Protein backbone atom coordinates (compact mmCIF):
# COMPACT_ATOMS: atom_id res chain seq x y z
CA MET A 1 5.67 -29.55 -13.31
CA THR A 2 8.42 -31.92 -12.43
CA GLN A 3 9.80 -32.59 -8.98
CA LYS A 4 12.89 -30.44 -9.60
CA LYS A 5 13.18 -27.44 -7.33
CA ASP A 6 14.25 -25.05 -10.09
CA ALA A 7 11.67 -26.01 -12.72
CA TRP A 8 8.84 -23.78 -11.47
CA TRP A 9 10.13 -20.58 -13.10
CA LYS A 10 10.07 -21.88 -16.68
CA PRO A 11 6.26 -22.07 -17.13
CA VAL A 12 5.83 -18.83 -15.18
CA ALA A 13 8.36 -17.04 -17.40
CA LEU A 14 6.69 -18.40 -20.53
CA LEU A 15 3.27 -17.34 -19.28
CA MET A 16 4.54 -13.85 -18.44
CA LEU A 17 6.12 -13.56 -21.89
CA VAL A 18 2.90 -14.63 -23.62
CA ILE A 19 0.81 -12.25 -21.51
CA ALA A 20 3.24 -9.37 -22.10
CA PHE A 21 3.24 -10.00 -25.85
CA GLY A 22 -0.56 -10.25 -25.90
CA MET A 23 -0.97 -7.04 -23.90
CA ASP A 24 1.42 -5.21 -26.23
CA LEU A 25 -0.51 -6.44 -29.26
CA LEU A 26 -3.72 -5.27 -27.62
CA VAL A 27 -2.26 -1.83 -26.93
CA TRP A 28 -0.97 -1.57 -30.49
CA GLN A 29 -4.36 -2.57 -31.88
CA LEU A 30 -6.12 -0.01 -29.69
CA SER A 31 -3.67 2.64 -30.87
CA GLY A 32 -4.69 2.08 -34.48
CA GLY A 33 -2.20 -0.52 -35.67
CA VAL A 34 -4.25 -3.41 -37.01
CA GLU A 35 -2.00 -4.53 -39.85
CA LEU A 36 1.11 -6.59 -39.20
CA SER A 37 3.38 -4.06 -40.92
CA THR A 38 1.99 -1.29 -38.74
CA ILE A 39 2.51 -3.41 -35.63
CA ALA A 40 6.10 -4.17 -36.68
CA GLN A 41 6.76 -0.48 -37.36
CA GLU A 42 5.33 0.52 -33.97
CA ALA A 43 7.38 -2.24 -32.31
CA ILE A 44 10.57 -0.84 -33.84
CA ARG A 45 9.60 2.68 -32.80
CA GLY A 46 8.80 1.45 -29.29
CA PHE A 47 12.13 -0.36 -29.12
CA ILE A 48 13.98 2.79 -30.14
CA LEU A 49 12.09 4.88 -27.57
CA ALA A 50 12.60 2.27 -24.85
CA PHE A 51 16.30 2.05 -25.69
CA GLY A 52 16.63 5.82 -25.50
CA GLY A 53 14.71 6.00 -22.24
CA THR A 54 16.78 3.22 -20.71
CA SER A 55 20.00 4.91 -21.82
CA ILE A 56 18.87 8.21 -20.30
CA ALA A 57 17.90 6.46 -17.04
CA LEU A 58 21.27 4.71 -16.87
CA LEU A 59 23.02 7.99 -17.66
CA THR A 60 21.17 9.71 -14.82
CA ILE A 61 22.01 6.92 -12.38
CA SER A 62 25.64 6.96 -13.50
CA LEU A 63 25.86 10.71 -13.03
CA GLY A 64 24.56 10.29 -9.51
CA SER A 65 27.23 7.76 -8.59
CA LEU A 66 30.34 9.14 -10.28
CA HIS A 67 32.55 8.77 -7.24
CA ARG A 68 32.18 4.98 -7.17
CA HIS A 69 33.47 4.16 -10.65
CA SER A 70 37.04 4.00 -11.83
CA GLN A 71 36.27 4.58 -15.52
CA TRP A 72 33.36 6.95 -15.24
CA LYS A 73 34.37 9.13 -18.20
CA GLU A 74 34.02 6.25 -20.66
CA GLN A 75 30.72 5.18 -19.15
CA ILE A 76 29.22 8.69 -19.21
CA THR A 77 30.46 9.31 -22.75
CA GLY A 78 29.07 6.01 -24.01
CA LEU A 79 25.68 6.43 -22.36
CA LEU A 80 25.40 10.03 -23.55
CA LEU A 81 26.25 8.92 -27.09
CA LEU A 82 23.70 6.07 -26.96
CA SER A 83 21.02 8.41 -25.59
CA VAL A 84 21.59 11.01 -28.28
CA ILE A 85 21.62 8.40 -31.06
CA ALA A 86 18.42 6.74 -29.79
CA LEU A 87 16.58 10.03 -29.39
CA TYR A 88 17.75 11.20 -32.83
CA LEU A 89 16.54 7.94 -34.40
CA ALA A 90 13.20 8.24 -32.61
CA HIS A 91 12.90 11.88 -33.66
CA SER A 92 13.56 11.02 -37.30
CA GLU A 93 11.34 7.90 -37.15
CA TYR A 94 8.38 9.95 -35.93
CA GLY A 95 8.74 12.44 -38.77
CA ARG A 96 10.76 15.01 -36.81
CA SER A 97 7.80 15.66 -34.55
CA ILE A 98 8.01 16.00 -30.79
CA ASP A 99 4.26 15.38 -30.57
CA GLY A 100 4.71 12.09 -32.41
CA MET A 101 7.43 11.08 -29.97
CA ARG A 102 5.19 12.05 -27.05
CA GLU A 103 2.35 9.96 -28.48
CA GLY A 104 4.69 7.01 -29.05
CA GLY A 105 6.05 7.35 -25.54
CA THR A 106 2.51 7.37 -24.16
CA ILE A 107 1.68 4.20 -26.07
CA LEU A 108 4.93 2.65 -24.84
CA LEU A 109 4.16 3.56 -21.22
CA SER A 110 0.61 2.23 -21.48
CA GLY A 111 1.99 -1.03 -22.85
CA LEU A 112 4.53 -1.13 -20.03
CA SER A 113 1.85 -0.52 -17.40
CA ALA A 114 -0.35 -3.22 -18.95
CA MET A 115 2.60 -5.61 -18.95
CA LEU A 116 3.42 -4.81 -15.32
CA ALA A 117 -0.23 -5.35 -14.38
CA ALA A 118 -0.17 -8.71 -16.14
CA VAL A 119 3.07 -9.69 -14.39
CA GLY A 120 1.54 -8.66 -11.06
CA LEU A 121 -1.52 -10.77 -11.84
CA VAL A 122 0.61 -13.80 -12.68
CA PHE A 123 2.74 -13.39 -9.56
CA GLY A 124 -0.39 -12.84 -7.46
CA LEU A 125 -1.92 -16.04 -8.78
CA LEU A 126 1.35 -17.86 -8.23
CA LEU A 127 1.51 -16.55 -4.67
CA ALA A 128 -2.08 -17.64 -4.07
CA LEU A 129 -1.26 -21.11 -5.38
CA VAL A 130 1.87 -21.41 -3.27
CA THR A 131 0.31 -20.10 -0.06
CA GLY A 132 -2.89 -22.10 -0.57
CA ARG A 133 -1.18 -25.40 0.26
CA GLU A 134 -2.21 -27.44 3.27
CA HIS A 135 0.20 -27.38 6.15
CA PHE A 136 0.56 -29.67 9.12
CA ALA A 137 -1.37 -28.63 12.19
CA ASP A 138 0.61 -27.04 14.98
CA PRO A 139 0.67 -29.37 18.02
CA LEU A 140 0.68 -26.43 20.42
CA LEU A 141 -2.59 -25.18 18.98
CA GLU A 142 -4.19 -28.60 19.42
CA MET A 143 -3.49 -28.75 23.18
CA GLU A 144 -6.41 -28.24 25.54
CA SER A 145 -6.62 -25.03 27.50
CA THR A 146 -6.87 -24.97 31.29
CA GLY A 147 -9.35 -22.12 31.11
CA GLY A 148 -7.16 -19.92 33.27
CA ASP A 149 -7.09 -22.32 36.26
CA VAL A 150 -3.41 -22.46 37.09
CA SER A 151 -1.98 -23.42 40.45
CA ILE A 152 1.54 -22.47 41.40
CA GLU A 153 3.48 -24.32 44.06
CA LEU A 154 6.27 -22.43 45.76
CA ASN A 155 9.05 -24.23 47.59
CA GLU A 156 10.32 -22.22 50.54
């Protein structure tokens, strides 16, 4: 890395992206998708499910904080519309099967948990590297102890 203060995040972000992509490919291969077209189809399905889940989560958060927004009707309407469209697309993409959507959601969540574990591993290694540096010794710790022999002089 260079001596710039802000350059440390670029290799870490690239490493996290590569690990996340590799973990997703591993999850897709374990779920039965070994061909590239199958992986691309599962990626599109996963994107649709993730988009729908994110829209529903944002809709729930927005419903919980209605009193703080000035244009809450537009926001709720837009998020509800996006959620319905995403769930309809996912429902039609999985052959109008709720079980297929549940299986796809399980695969998506396992990929997400694998990605979060990989990100935690990368950040843990980064933390170990950062905290493993040598520091200067504390001069107070290097002072000799009196062994408890202290004399106090009082001026009266």
